[in-house]
Amino acid sequence: MDLYVGVDLGGTNLHAAIADADGRIVAERTEPTLSHEGPPGVLMRMARLVHQLAETAGRRPVACGVGVPGFLNLAAGTTKFLPNLPTNWIDVPVREMLAAQIGCPVFLLNDVRTATLGELVFGHGRQANTMAFFSIGTGIGGGIVVDGKLRLGPVGAAGELGHQIILPDGPRCGCGNRGCLETLASASAIAAEGVRLLLSGQTPKLYEIAGGDPGQVNTKTMAQAAREGDSRVAEAIVRAGQYLGIGVVNVVVTLHPDLVVVGGGAAAIGDLLFDTVRTTVQQRIGMFPADDMRIEPSLLGERAGILGAVALAIRGEQLTVRCCHLL
């Protein structure tokens, strides 16, 4: 039975797992990225992780998939711009360098498109023909599945759902635009509103939970405060959910997917967020019935990225050939 290795390259940690073709993880490890040491050092640690996993599993992987936080040249197997890593990894031949160290083919994909692939292959997407995936974390990433296939576009960038414009004159986004969904409904945007409310003395329950420390305000502590009756925090979460719902509506009237999956850390807010998104979608779609469309939290949760990297190792050749064909 063939084994495949997946690696999730994060700014803080490298997460790697070796699994079979059904997504059953045989071995798994995490270690610090130490990104300040630059691409050669990070790739050396990545290779070491793969060798350790192979030793634990007792077999070498036949392919490796790597989820990368940024833009790539899929045809060349190089990173083009990783905004959250030192030096931004411009034109680093990751595929060539890593493959030489681990002795098997290596496939690269944007990290959120990788998580989308994981949901498609091992999660809710197994029962969907058309799916949109929103990852709500520090920013908002996304991915699109049409006719059971992950759609990447000519440069692998299709599915940047967090950068659809919701408020034309809204907050400035890191992409340079204004009013992107990411500025209004990401985990960092929700937490920033929580900090504002805490500092202005409007959230006694959140203040209690956070010990008065703005650094302890995040989607987890805000969700707890909302559940315990903090109405201003609940309003902030609902408002973000409404913006996210409008973003989902934009995708629905474009694709009419069978399924919308919401992953990332903010998905753990739970019913308050999801009920708001579902209500907003029902209220704002009038062109056709949307009752048959599901909006669900990721079935894979925090493992969407790593299982997506395993799925990339399995399907990487097909994805790369299809994307390169569009160039």
C-alpha atoms as a PDB file:
ATOM      1  CA  MET A   1       0.000   0.000   0.000  1.00  0.00           C
ATOM      2  CA  ASP A   2       1.443   3.358  -1.082  1.00  0.00           C
ATOM      3  CA  LEU A   3       1.963   6.107   1.474  1.00  0.00           C
ATOM      4  CA  TYR A   4       1.878   9.848   0.835  1.00  0.00           C
ATOM      5  CA  VAL A   5       3.323  12.687   2.877  1.00  0.00           C
ATOM      6  CA  GLY A   6       1.750  16.092   3.345  1.00  0.00           C
ATOM      7  CA  VAL A   7       3.390  19.201   4.773  1.00  0.00           C
ATOM      8  CA  ASP A   8       1.648  22.375   5.909  1.00  0.00           C
ATOM      9  CA  LEU A   9       4.153  25.249   5.811  1.00  0.00           C
ATOM     10  CA  GLY A  10       3.136  27.827   8.393  1.00  0.00           C
ATOM     11  CA  GLY A  11       4.823  30.974   9.570  1.00  0.00           C
ATOM     12  CA  THR A  12       5.150  29.484  13.064  1.00  0.00           C
ATOM     13  CA  ASN A  13       5.139  25.696  12.615  1.00  0.00           C
ATOM     14  CA  LEU A  14       5.794  22.963  10.092  1.00  0.00           C
ATOM     15  CA  HIS A  15       3.105  20.295  10.344  1.00  0.00           C
ATOM     16  CA  ALA A  16       3.703  17.033   8.478  1.00  0.00           C
ATOM     17  CA  ALA A  17       1.836  13.734   8.230  1.00  0.00           C
ATOM     18  CA  ILE A  18       2.237  10.498   6.314  1.00  0.00           C
ATOM     19  CA  ALA A  19      -0.969   8.710   5.318  1.00  0.00           C
ATOM     20  CA  ASP A  20      -2.484   6.188   2.950  1.00  0.00           C
ATOM     21  CA  ALA A  21      -4.691   6.931  -0.042  1.00  0.00           C
ATOM     22  CA  ASP A  22      -7.814   6.956   2.166  1.00  0.00           C
ATOM     23  CA  GLY A  23      -6.418   9.687   4.384  1.00  0.00           C
ATOM     24  CA  ARG A  24      -5.639   7.427   7.333  1.00  0.00           C
ATOM     25  CA  ILE A  25      -2.687   9.065   9.084  1.00  0.00           C
ATOM     26  CA  VAL A  26       0.110   6.655   9.975  1.00  0.00           C
ATOM     27  CA  ALA A  27       2.475   9.173  11.585  1.00  0.00           C
ATOM     28  CA  GLU A  28       2.414  12.891  12.265  1.00  0.00           C
ATOM     29  CA  ARG A  29       4.875  15.492  13.584  1.00  0.00           C
ATOM     30  CA  THR A  30       5.130  19.245  14.161  1.00  0.00           C
ATOM     31  CA  GLU A  31       8.160  21.431  14.729  1.00  0.00           C
ATOM     32  CA  PRO A  32       8.930  25.166  14.629  1.00  0.00           C
ATOM     33  CA  THR A  33       9.377  26.668  11.168  1.00  0.00           C
ATOM     34  CA  LEU A  34      12.184  29.009  12.296  1.00  0.00           C
ATOM     35  CA  SER A  35      11.444  31.020   9.178  1.00  0.00           C
ATOM     36  CA  HIS A  36      14.088  33.633  10.057  1.00  0.00           C
ATOM     37  CA  GLU A  37      16.715  31.139   8.883  1.00  0.00           C
ATOM     38  CA  GLY A  38      15.464  31.465   5.314  1.00  0.00           C
ATOM     39  CA  PRO A  39      14.279  28.964   2.696  1.00  0.00           C
ATOM     40  CA  PRO A  40      17.279  26.560   2.771  1.00  0.00           C
ATOM     41  CA  GLY A  41      17.017  26.065   6.535  1.00  0.00           C
ATOM     42  CA  VAL A  42      13.226  25.650   6.465  1.00  0.00           C
ATOM     43  CA  LEU A  43      13.386  23.158   3.596  1.00  0.00           C
ATOM     44  CA  MET A  44      16.105  21.190   5.370  1.00  0.00           C
ATOM     45  CA  ARG A  45      13.870  20.856   8.459  1.00  0.00           C
ATOM     46  CA  MET A  46      10.952  19.939   6.231  1.00  0.00           C
ATOM     47  CA  ALA A  47      13.013  17.155   4.658  1.00  0.00           C
ATOM     48  CA  ARG A  48      14.088  15.953   8.088  1.00  0.00           C
ATOM     49  CA  LEU A  49      10.445  15.750   9.154  1.00  0.00           C
ATOM     50  CA  VAL A  50       9.630  13.640   6.088  1.00  0.00           C
ATOM     51  CA  HIS A  51      12.542  11.276   6.810  1.00  0.00           C
ATOM     52  CA  GLN A  52      11.423  10.910  10.448  1.00  0.00           C
ATOM     53  CA  LEU A  53       7.855  10.112   9.392  1.00  0.00           C
ATOM     54  CA  ALA A  54       9.069   7.568   6.826  1.00  0.00           C
ATOM     55  CA  GLU A  55      11.186   5.890   9.484  1.00  0.00           C
ATOM     56  CA  THR A  56       8.188   5.712  11.848  1.00  0.00           C
ATOM     57  CA  ALA A  57       5.942   4.344   9.102  1.00  0.00           C
ATOM     58  CA  GLY A  58       8.547   1.851   7.915  1.00  0.00           C
ATOM     59  CA  ARG A  59       8.090   2.916   4.279  1.00  0.00           C
ATOM     60  CA  ARG A  60       9.075   5.790   2.041  1.00  0.00           C
ATOM     61  CA  PRO A  61       6.317   8.050   0.657  1.00  0.00           C
ATOM     62  CA  VAL A  62       5.723   7.890  -3.073  1.00  0.00           C
ATOM     63  CA  ALA A  63       4.898  11.624  -3.307  1.00  0.00           C
ATOM     64  CA  CYS A  64       4.802  14.769  -1.192  1.00  0.00           C
ATOM     65  CA  GLY A  65       2.301  17.645  -1.160  1.00  0.00           C
ATOM     66  CA  VAL A  66       3.110  21.007   0.409  1.00  0.00           C
ATOM     67  CA  GLY A  67       0.569  23.682   1.319  1.00  0.00           C
ATOM     68  CA  VAL A  68       2.252  27.078   1.003  1.00  0.00           C
ATOM     69  CA  PRO A  69       0.965  30.406   2.399  1.00  0.00           C
ATOM     70  CA  GLY A  70       1.218  32.608  -0.657  1.00  0.00           C
ATOM     71  CA  PHE A  71       1.497  32.762  -4.432  1.00  0.00           C
ATOM     72  CA  LEU A  72       3.276  30.139  -6.527  1.00  0.00           C
ATOM     73  CA  ASN A  73       4.351  29.240 -10.013  1.00  0.00           C
ATOM     74  CA  LEU A  74       2.777  25.791 -10.156  1.00  0.00           C
ATOM     75  CA  ALA A  75       4.365  24.922 -13.483  1.00  0.00           C
ATOM     76  CA  ALA A  76       7.883  25.652 -12.248  1.00  0.00           C
ATOM     77  CA  GLY A  77       7.330  24.509  -8.660  1.00  0.00           C
ATOM     78  CA  THR A  78       8.623  27.798  -7.295  1.00  0.00           C
ATOM     79  CA  THR A  79       7.311  30.229  -4.709  1.00  0.00           C
ATOM     80  CA  LYS A  80       6.576  33.712  -6.046  1.00  0.00           C
ATOM     81  CA  PHE A  81       5.624  35.668  -2.934  1.00  0.00           C
ATOM     82  CA  LEU A  82       4.974  34.469   0.613  1.00  0.00           C
ATOM     83  CA  PRO A  83       3.887  37.645   2.440  1.00  0.00           C
ATOM     84  CA  ASN A  84       4.263  36.336   5.988  1.00  0.00           C
ATOM     85  CA  LEU A  85       7.732  34.771   5.723  1.00  0.00           C
ATOM     86  CA  PRO A  86      11.061  36.650   5.863  1.00  0.00           C
ATOM     87  CA  THR A  87      12.507  37.449   2.417  1.00  0.00           C
ATOM     88  CA  ASN A  88       9.044  36.588   0.988  1.00  0.00           C
ATOM     89  CA  TRP A  89      10.569  33.513  -0.706  1.00  0.00           C
ATOM     90  CA  ILE A  90      10.702  35.150  -4.127  1.00  0.00           C
ATOM     91  CA  ASP A  91      11.486  32.633  -6.908  1.00  0.00           C
ATOM     92  CA  VAL A  92      12.620  29.865  -4.551  1.00  0.00           C
ATOM     93  CA  PRO A  93      12.727  26.484  -6.412  1.00  0.00           C
ATOM     94  CA  VAL A  94      11.012  24.620  -3.580  1.00  0.00           C
ATOM     95  CA  ARG A  95       9.932  21.612  -5.626  1.00  0.00           C
ATOM     96  CA  GLU A  96      13.435  20.973  -6.968  1.00  0.00           C
ATOM     97  CA  MET A  97      15.199  21.569  -3.652  1.00  0.00           C
ATOM     98  CA  LEU A  98      12.857  19.460  -1.533  1.00  0.00           C
ATOM     99  CA  ALA A  99      12.519  16.599  -4.018  1.00  0.00           C
ATOM    100  CA  ALA A 100      16.307  16.248  -4.102  1.00  0.00           C
ATOM    101  CA  GLN A 101      16.364  15.871  -0.325  1.00  0.00           C
ATOM    102  CA  ILE A 102      13.452  13.431   0.125  1.00  0.00           C
ATOM    103  CA  GLY A 103      13.685  11.378  -3.051  1.00  0.00           C
ATOM    104  CA  CYS A 104      10.113  11.610  -4.338  1.00  0.00           C
ATOM    105  CA  PRO A 105       7.983  13.988  -6.453  1.00  0.00           C
ATOM    106  CA  VAL A 106       6.878  17.182  -4.711  1.00  0.00           C
ATOM    107  CA  PHE A 107       3.742  19.210  -5.495  1.00  0.00           C
ATOM    108  CA  LEU A 108       2.985  22.731  -4.258  1.00  0.00           C
ATOM    109  CA  LEU A 109      -0.316  24.540  -3.803  1.00  0.00           C
ATOM    110  CA  ASN A 110      -1.561  27.597  -1.951  1.00  0.00           C
ATOM    111  CA  ASP A 111      -2.412  26.573   1.609  1.00  0.00           C
ATOM    112  CA  VAL A 112      -6.125  27.422   1.493  1.00  0.00           C
ATOM    113  CA  ARG A 113      -6.583  25.776  -1.904  1.00  0.00           C
ATOM    114  CA  THR A 114      -4.841  22.807  -0.265  1.00  0.00           C
ATOM    115  CA  ALA A 115      -7.379  22.825   2.589  1.00  0.00           C
ATOM    116  CA  THR A 116     -10.160  23.031  -0.015  1.00  0.00           C
ATOM    117  CA  LEU A 117      -8.714  19.949  -1.704  1.00  0.00           C
ATOM    118  CA  GLY A 118      -8.653  18.171   1.664  1.00  0.00           C
ATOM    119  CA  GLU A 119     -12.329  18.947   2.221  1.00  0.00           C
ATOM    120  CA  LEU A 120     -13.104  17.760  -1.304  1.00  0.00           C
ATOM    121  CA  VAL A 121     -11.243  14.463  -1.048  1.00  0.00           C
ATOM    122  CA  PHE A 122     -11.723  13.517   2.615  1.00  0.00           C
ATOM    123  CA  GLY A 123     -14.462  15.802   3.982  1.00  0.00           C
ATOM    124  CA  HIS A 124     -17.916  17.144   3.150  1.00  0.00           C
ATOM    125  CA  GLY A 125     -16.917  17.603  -0.492  1.00  0.00           C
ATOM    126  CA  ARG A 126     -17.179  13.887  -1.162  1.00  0.00           C
ATOM    127  CA  GLN A 127     -20.951  14.375  -1.479  1.00  0.00           C
ATOM    128  CA  ALA A 128     -20.819  17.684  -3.380  1.00  0.00           C
ATOM    129  CA  ASN A 129     -20.581  18.452  -7.067  1.00  0.00           C
ATOM    130  CA  THR A 130     -19.907  22.167  -6.638  1.00  0.00           C
ATOM    131  CA  MET A 131     -18.417  23.594  -3.437  1.00  0.00           C
ATOM    132  CA  ALA A 132     -17.008  26.846  -2.091  1.00  0.00           C
ATOM    133  CA  PHE A 133     -14.589  26.819   0.828  1.00  0.00           C
ATOM    134  CA  PHE A 134     -14.039  29.845   3.098  1.00  0.00           C
ATOM    135  CA  SER A 135     -11.151  29.703   5.566  1.00  0.00           C
ATOM    136  CA  ILE A 136     -11.660  32.294   8.316  1.00  0.00           C
ATOM    137  CA  GLY A 137      -8.413  32.953  10.135  1.00  0.00           C
ATOM    138  CA  THR A 138      -6.037  35.905  10.376  1.00  0.00           C
ATOM    139  CA  GLY A 139      -7.292  36.649   6.874  1.00  0.00           C
ATOM    140  CA  ILE A 140      -9.902  34.963   4.711  1.00  0.00           C
ATOM    141  CA  GLY A 141      -8.820  32.511   2.039  1.00  0.00           C
ATOM    142  CA  GLY A 142     -10.892  30.317  -0.182  1.00  0.00           C
ATOM    143  CA  GLY A 143     -11.201  27.688  -2.833  1.00  0.00           C
ATOM    144  CA  ILE A 144     -13.721  26.636  -5.475  1.00  0.00           C
ATOM    145  CA  VAL A 145     -14.753  23.180  -6.657  1.00  0.00           C
ATOM    146  CA  VAL A 146     -16.781  22.815  -9.865  1.00  0.00           C
ATOM    147  CA  ASP A 147     -17.927  19.482 -11.295  1.00  0.00           C
ATOM    148  CA  GLY A 148     -15.992  17.702  -8.577  1.00  0.00           C
ATOM    149  CA  LYS A 149     -12.682  19.354  -9.494  1.00  0.00           C
ATOM    150  CA  LEU A 150     -10.663  22.001  -7.684  1.00  0.00           C
ATOM    151  CA  ARG A 151     -10.529  25.035  -9.968  1.00  0.00           C
ATOM    152  CA  LEU A 152      -7.226  26.872  -9.830  1.00  0.00           C
ATOM    153  CA  GLY A 153      -7.280  29.218 -12.807  1.00  0.00           C
ATOM    154  CA  PRO A 154      -4.237  29.874 -15.000  1.00  0.00           C
ATOM    155  CA  VAL A 155      -1.889  30.807 -12.142  1.00  0.00           C
ATOM    156  CA  GLY A 156      -3.411  28.815  -9.286  1.00  0.00           C
ATOM    157  CA  ALA A 157      -5.029  31.885  -7.696  1.00  0.00           C
ATOM    158  CA  ALA A 158      -8.729  31.217  -8.358  1.00  0.00           C
ATOM    159  CA  GLY A 159     -10.795  31.239  -5.178  1.00  0.00           C
ATOM    160  CA  GLU A 160      -9.479  34.308  -3.337  1.00  0.00           C
ATOM    161  CA  LEU A 161     -12.916  34.704  -1.779  1.00  0.00           C
ATOM    162  CA  GLY A 162     -11.668  36.917   1.037  1.00  0.00           C
ATOM    163  CA  HIS A 163     -10.815  39.682  -1.414  1.00  0.00           C
ATOM    164  CA  GLN A 164     -14.247  40.227  -2.880  1.00  0.00           C
ATOM    165  CA  ILE A 165     -15.273  43.810  -2.110  1.00  0.00           C
ATOM    166  CA  ILE A 166     -18.131  44.120   0.371  1.00  0.00           C
ATOM    167  CA  LEU A 167     -17.844  47.833   1.304  1.00  0.00           C
ATOM    168  CA  PRO A 168     -16.323  49.963  -1.514  1.00  0.00           C
ATOM    169  CA  ASP A 169     -15.152  52.609   0.978  1.00  0.00           C
ATOM    170  CA  GLY A 170     -14.442  50.162   3.798  1.00  0.00           C
ATOM    171  CA  PRO A 171     -11.230  49.523   5.743  1.00  0.00           C
ATOM    172  CA  ARG A 172      -7.944  49.264   3.866  1.00  0.00           C
ATOM    173  CA  CYS A 173      -6.965  45.654   3.188  1.00  0.00           C
ATOM    174  CA  GLY A 174      -3.471  44.180   3.112  1.00  0.00           C
ATOM    175  CA  CYS A 175      -3.969  43.562  -0.606  1.00  0.00           C
ATOM    176  CA  GLY A 176      -4.167  47.331  -1.135  1.00  0.00           C
ATOM    177  CA  ASN A 177      -7.898  47.479  -1.802  1.00  0.00           C
ATOM    178  CA  ARG A 178     -10.664  48.731   0.469  1.00  0.00           C
ATOM    179  CA  GLY A 179     -13.607  46.936   2.007  1.00  0.00           C
ATOM    180  CA  CYS A 180     -12.545  43.364   1.240  1.00  0.00           C
ATOM    181  CA  LEU A 181     -14.449  40.653   3.106  1.00  0.00           C
ATOM    182  CA  GLU A 182     -11.205  39.884   4.938  1.00  0.00           C
ATOM    183  CA  THR A 183     -11.221  43.325   6.592  1.00  0.00           C
ATOM    184  CA  LEU A 184     -14.737  42.795   7.935  1.00  0.00           C
ATOM    185  CA  ALA A 185     -15.167  39.142   8.883  1.00  0.00           C
ATOM    186  CA  SER A 186     -11.748  37.570   9.444  1.00  0.00           C
ATOM    187  CA  ALA A 187     -10.778  36.360  12.907  1.00  0.00           C
ATOM    188  CA  SER A 188      -8.453  39.347  13.251  1.00  0.00           C
ATOM    189  CA  ALA A 189     -11.230  41.775  12.247  1.00  0.00           C
ATOM    190  CA  ILE A 190     -13.622  40.215  14.778  1.00  0.00           C
ATOM    191  CA  ALA A 191     -10.977  40.308  17.505  1.00  0.00           C
ATOM    192  CA  ALA A 192     -10.101  43.930  16.691  1.00  0.00           C
ATOM    193  CA  GLU A 193     -13.712  44.925  17.304  1.00  0.00           C
ATOM    194  CA  GLY A 194     -13.619  42.968  20.558  1.00  0.00           C
ATOM    195  CA  VAL A 195     -10.544  44.909  21.661  1.00  0.00           C
ATOM    196  CA  ARG A 196     -12.265  48.199  20.838  1.00  0.00           C
ATOM    197  CA  LEU A 197     -15.312  47.225  22.859  1.00  0.00           C
ATOM    198  CA  LEU A 198     -13.189  46.070  25.785  1.00  0.00           C
ATOM    199  CA  LEU A 199     -11.089  49.237  25.882  1.00  0.00           C
ATOM    200  CA  SER A 200     -14.203  51.419  25.723  1.00  0.00           C
ATOM    201  CA  GLY A 201     -15.718  49.620  28.697  1.00  0.00           C
ATOM    202  CA  GLN A 202     -18.673  48.142  26.823  1.00  0.00           C
ATOM    203  CA  THR A 203     -18.031  44.438  27.415  1.00  0.00           C
ATOM    204  CA  PRO A 204     -17.980  43.457  31.114  1.00  0.00           C
ATOM    205  CA  LYS A 205     -18.110  39.725  30.469  1.00  0.00           C
ATOM    206  CA  LEU A 206     -15.336  39.827  27.866  1.00  0.00           C
ATOM    207  CA  TYR A 207     -13.301  42.002  30.235  1.00  0.00           C
ATOM    208  CA  GLU A 208     -13.727  39.353  32.932  1.00  0.00           C
ATOM    209  CA  ILE A 209     -12.817  36.454  30.649  1.00  0.00           C
ATOM    210  CA  ALA A 210      -9.777  38.259  29.220  1.00  0.00           C
ATOM    211  CA  GLY A 211      -8.672  39.522  32.624  1.00  0.00           C
ATOM    212  CA  GLY A 212      -8.786  43.038  31.228  1.00  0.00           C
ATOM    213  CA  ASP A 213      -5.934  42.158  28.829  1.00  0.00           C
ATOM    214  CA  PRO A 214      -6.612  43.164  25.196  1.00  0.00           C
ATOM    215  CA  GLY A 215      -4.015  40.585  24.175  1.00  0.00           C
ATOM    216  CA  GLN A 216      -6.368  37.840  25.368  1.00  0.00           C
ATOM    217  CA  VAL A 217      -9.207  38.966  23.107  1.00  0.00           C
ATOM    218  CA  ASN A 218      -9.721  36.538  20.230  1.00  0.00           C
ATOM    219  CA  THR A 219     -12.596  34.698  18.588  1.00  0.00           C
ATOM    220  CA  LYS A 220     -12.492  32.008  21.276  1.00  0.00           C
ATOM    221  CA  THR A 221     -12.820  34.403  24.226  1.00  0.00           C
ATOM    222  CA  MET A 222     -15.388  36.474  22.326  1.00  0.00           C
ATOM    223  CA  ALA A 223     -17.500  33.392  21.582  1.00  0.00           C
ATOM    224  CA  GLN A 224     -17.402  32.491  25.276  1.00  0.00           C
ATOM    225  CA  ALA A 225     -18.435  36.024  26.265  1.00  0.00           C
ATOM    226  CA  ALA A 226     -21.324  35.953  23.787  1.00  0.00           C
ATOM    227  CA  ARG A 227     -22.543  32.616  25.138  1.00  0.00           C
ATOM    228  CA  GLU A 228     -22.424  34.042  28.662  1.00  0.00           C
ATOM    229  CA  GLY A 229     -24.635  36.970  27.762  1.00  0.00           C
ATOM    230  CA  ASP A 230     -22.335  39.769  26.564  1.00  0.00           C
ATOM    231  CA  SER A 231     -24.701  41.412  24.090  1.00  0.00           C
ATOM    232  CA  ARG A 232     -22.174  43.836  22.550  1.00  0.00           C
ATOM    233  CA  VAL A 233     -19.799  40.997  21.740  1.00  0.00           C
ATOM    234  CA  ALA A 234     -22.681  38.992  20.290  1.00  0.00           C
ATOM    235  CA  GLU A 235     -23.587  41.988  18.110  1.00  0.00           C
ATOM    236  CA  ALA A 236     -20.002  42.167  16.822  1.00  0.00           C
ATOM    237  CA  ILE A 237     -20.023  38.476  15.890  1.00  0.00           C
ATOM    238  CA  VAL A 238     -23.436  38.787  14.230  1.00  0.00           C
ATOM    239  CA  ARG A 239     -22.275  41.785  12.198  1.00  0.00           C
ATOM    240  CA  ALA A 240     -19.230  39.849  10.978  1.00  0.00           C
ATOM    241  CA  GLY A 241     -21.515  36.902  10.199  1.00  0.00           C
ATOM    242  CA  GLN A 242     -23.732  39.171   8.113  1.00  0.00           C
ATOM    243  CA  TYR A 243     -20.737  40.380   6.103  1.00  0.00           C
ATOM    244  CA  LEU A 244     -19.607  36.788   5.646  1.00  0.00           C
ATOM    245  CA  GLY A 245     -23.154  35.892   4.604  1.00  0.00           C
ATOM    246  CA  ILE A 246     -23.060  38.581   1.916  1.00  0.00           C
ATOM    247  CA  GLY A 247     -19.774  37.132   0.702  1.00  0.00           C
ATOM    248  CA  VAL A 248     -21.407  33.709   0.533  1.00  0.00           C
ATOM    249  CA  VAL A 249     -24.368  35.205  -1.371  1.00  0.00           C
ATOM    250  CA  ASN A 250     -21.988  36.622  -3.973  1.00  0.00           C
ATOM    251  CA  VAL A 251     -20.530  33.165  -4.502  1.00  0.00           C
ATOM    252  CA  VAL A 252     -23.940  31.485  -4.523  1.00  0.00           C
ATOM    253  CA  VAL A 253     -25.402  33.723  -7.236  1.00  0.00           C
ATOM    254  CA  THR A 254     -22.256  33.119  -9.284  1.00  0.00           C
ATOM    255  CA  LEU A 255     -21.854  29.350  -8.849  1.00  0.00           C
ATOM    256  CA  HIS A 256     -24.970  28.110  -7.012  1.00  0.00           C
ATOM    257  CA  PRO A 257     -22.877  25.492  -5.198  1.00  0.00           C
ATOM    258  CA  ASP A 258     -24.348  22.435  -3.510  1.00  0.00           C
ATOM    259  CA  LEU A 259     -22.223  23.166  -0.473  1.00  0.00           C
ATOM    260  CA  VAL A 260     -20.422  26.032   1.245  1.00  0.00           C
ATOM    261  CA  VAL A 261     -17.846  24.975   3.832  1.00  0.00           C
ATOM    262  CA  VAL A 262     -16.460  27.371   6.435  1.00  0.00           C
ATOM    263  CA  GLY A 263     -13.163  26.396   8.057  1.00  0.00           C
ATOM    264  CA  GLY A 264     -10.361  28.082   9.932  1.00  0.00           C
ATOM    265  CA  GLY A 265     -10.172  29.127  13.556  1.00  0.00           C
ATOM    266  CA  ALA A 266     -13.187  31.459  13.511  1.00  0.00           C
ATOM    267  CA  ALA A 267     -15.463  28.574  12.492  1.00  0.00           C
ATOM    268  CA  ALA A 268     -15.187  27.431  16.121  1.00  0.00           C
ATOM    269  CA  ILE A 269     -17.411  30.376  17.118  1.00  0.00           C
ATOM    270  CA  GLY A 270     -20.210  27.969  16.271  1.00  0.00           C
ATOM    271  CA  ASP A 271     -23.947  28.487  15.937  1.00  0.00           C
ATOM    272  CA  LEU A 272     -24.013  32.257  16.405  1.00  0.00           C
ATOM    273  CA  LEU A 273     -21.815  32.699  13.341  1.00  0.00           C
ATOM    274  CA  PHE A 274     -23.311  29.923  11.224  1.00  0.00           C
ATOM    275  CA  ASP A 275     -26.936  30.774  11.988  1.00  0.00           C
ATOM    276  CA  THR A 276     -26.250  34.391  11.011  1.00  0.00           C
ATOM    277  CA  VAL A 277     -24.620  33.362   7.740  1.00  0.00           C
ATOM    278  CA  ARG A 278     -27.487  30.996   6.877  1.00  0.00           C
ATOM    279  CA  THR A 279     -30.138  33.611   7.710  1.00  0.00           C
ATOM    280  CA  THR A 280     -28.344  36.268   5.652  1.00  0.00           C
ATOM    281  CA  VAL A 281     -28.142  33.938   2.667  1.00  0.00           C
ATOM    282  CA  GLN A 282     -31.854  33.131   2.857  1.00  0.00           C
ATOM    283  CA  GLN A 283     -32.771  36.809   3.190  1.00  0.00           C
ATOM    284  CA  ARG A 284     -30.605  38.061   0.350  1.00  0.00           C
ATOM    285  CA  ILE A 285     -31.089  35.483  -2.398  1.00  0.00           C
ATOM    286  CA  GLY A 286     -34.268  36.102  -4.341  1.00  0.00           C
ATOM    287  CA  MET A 287     -33.400  34.911  -7.821  1.00  0.00           C
ATOM    288  CA  PHE A 288     -33.753  31.205  -7.101  1.00  0.00           C
ATOM    289  CA  PRO A 289     -34.411  28.872  -4.149  1.00  0.00           C
ATOM    290  CA  ALA A 290     -31.362  28.256  -1.993  1.00  0.00           C
ATOM    291  CA  ASP A 291     -32.985  25.815   0.417  1.00  0.00           C
ATOM    292  CA  ASP A 292     -31.076  22.844  -0.986  1.00  0.00           C
ATOM    293  CA  MET A 293     -27.675  24.445  -0.429  1.00  0.00           C
ATOM    294  CA  ARG A 294     -25.798  23.466   2.723  1.00  0.00           C
ATOM    295  CA  ILE A 295     -23.553  25.778   4.740  1.00  0.00           C
ATOM    296  CA  GLU A 296     -21.427  23.660   7.062  1.00  0.00           C
ATOM    297  CA  PRO A 297     -18.332  23.857   9.268  1.00  0.00           C
ATOM    298  CA  SER A 298     -15.361  21.942   7.917  1.00  0.00           C
ATOM    299  CA  LEU A 299     -15.603  18.223   8.605  1.00  0.00           C
ATOM    300  CA  LEU A 300     -11.805  18.080   8.890  1.00  0.00           C
ATOM    301  CA  GLY A 301     -11.452  21.065  11.223  1.00  0.00           C
ATOM    302  CA  GLU A 302      -7.834  21.908  12.020  1.00  0.00           C
ATOM    303  CA  ARG A 303      -6.620  18.971   9.912  1.00  0.00           C
ATOM    304  CA  ALA A 304      -8.034  20.295   6.643  1.00  0.00           C
ATOM    305  CA  GLY A 305      -4.642  21.704   5.681  1.00  0.00           C
ATOM    306  CA  ILE A 306      -2.548  18.659   6.448  1.00  0.00           C
ATOM    307  CA  LEU A 307      -5.029  16.203   4.921  1.00  0.00           C
ATOM    308  CA  GLY A 308      -5.270  18.520   1.933  1.00  0.00           C
ATOM    309  CA  ALA A 309      -1.489  18.278   1.559  1.00  0.00           C
ATOM    310  CA  VAL A 310      -1.810  14.475   1.575  1.00  0.00           C
ATOM    311  CA  ALA A 311      -4.547  14.759  -1.078  1.00  0.00           C
ATOM    312  CA  LEU A 312      -2.212  17.022  -3.065  1.00  0.00           C
ATOM    313  CA  ALA A 313       0.471  14.342  -2.953  1.00  0.00           C
ATOM    314  CA  ILE A 314      -2.086  11.887  -4.347  1.00  0.00           C
ATOM    315  CA  ARG A 315      -3.571  14.164  -7.025  1.00  0.00           C
ATOM    316  CA  GLY A 316      -0.751  16.627  -7.611  1.00  0.00           C
ATOM    317  CA  GLU A 317       0.159  15.466 -11.096  1.00  0.00           C
ATOM    318  CA  GLN A 318      -3.428  15.903 -12.336  1.00  0.00           C
ATOM    319  CA  LEU A 319      -3.760  19.352 -10.758  1.00  0.00           C
ATOM    320  CA  THR A 320      -0.432  20.623 -12.079  1.00  0.00           C
ATOM    321  CA  VAL A 321      -1.082  19.381 -15.615  1.00  0.00           C
ATOM    322  CA  ARG A 322      -4.583  20.909 -15.652  1.00  0.00           C
ATOM    323  CA  CYS A 323      -3.357  24.263 -14.346  1.00  0.00           C
ATOM    324  CA  CYS A 324      -0.351  24.409 -16.684  1.00  0.00           C
ATOM    325  CA  HIS A 325      -2.613  23.619 -19.626  1.00  0.00           C
ATOM    326  CA  LEU A 326      -4.356  26.978 -19.017  1.00  0.00           C
ATOM    327  CA  LEU A 327      -1.137  28.995 -19.249  1.00  0.00           C
END
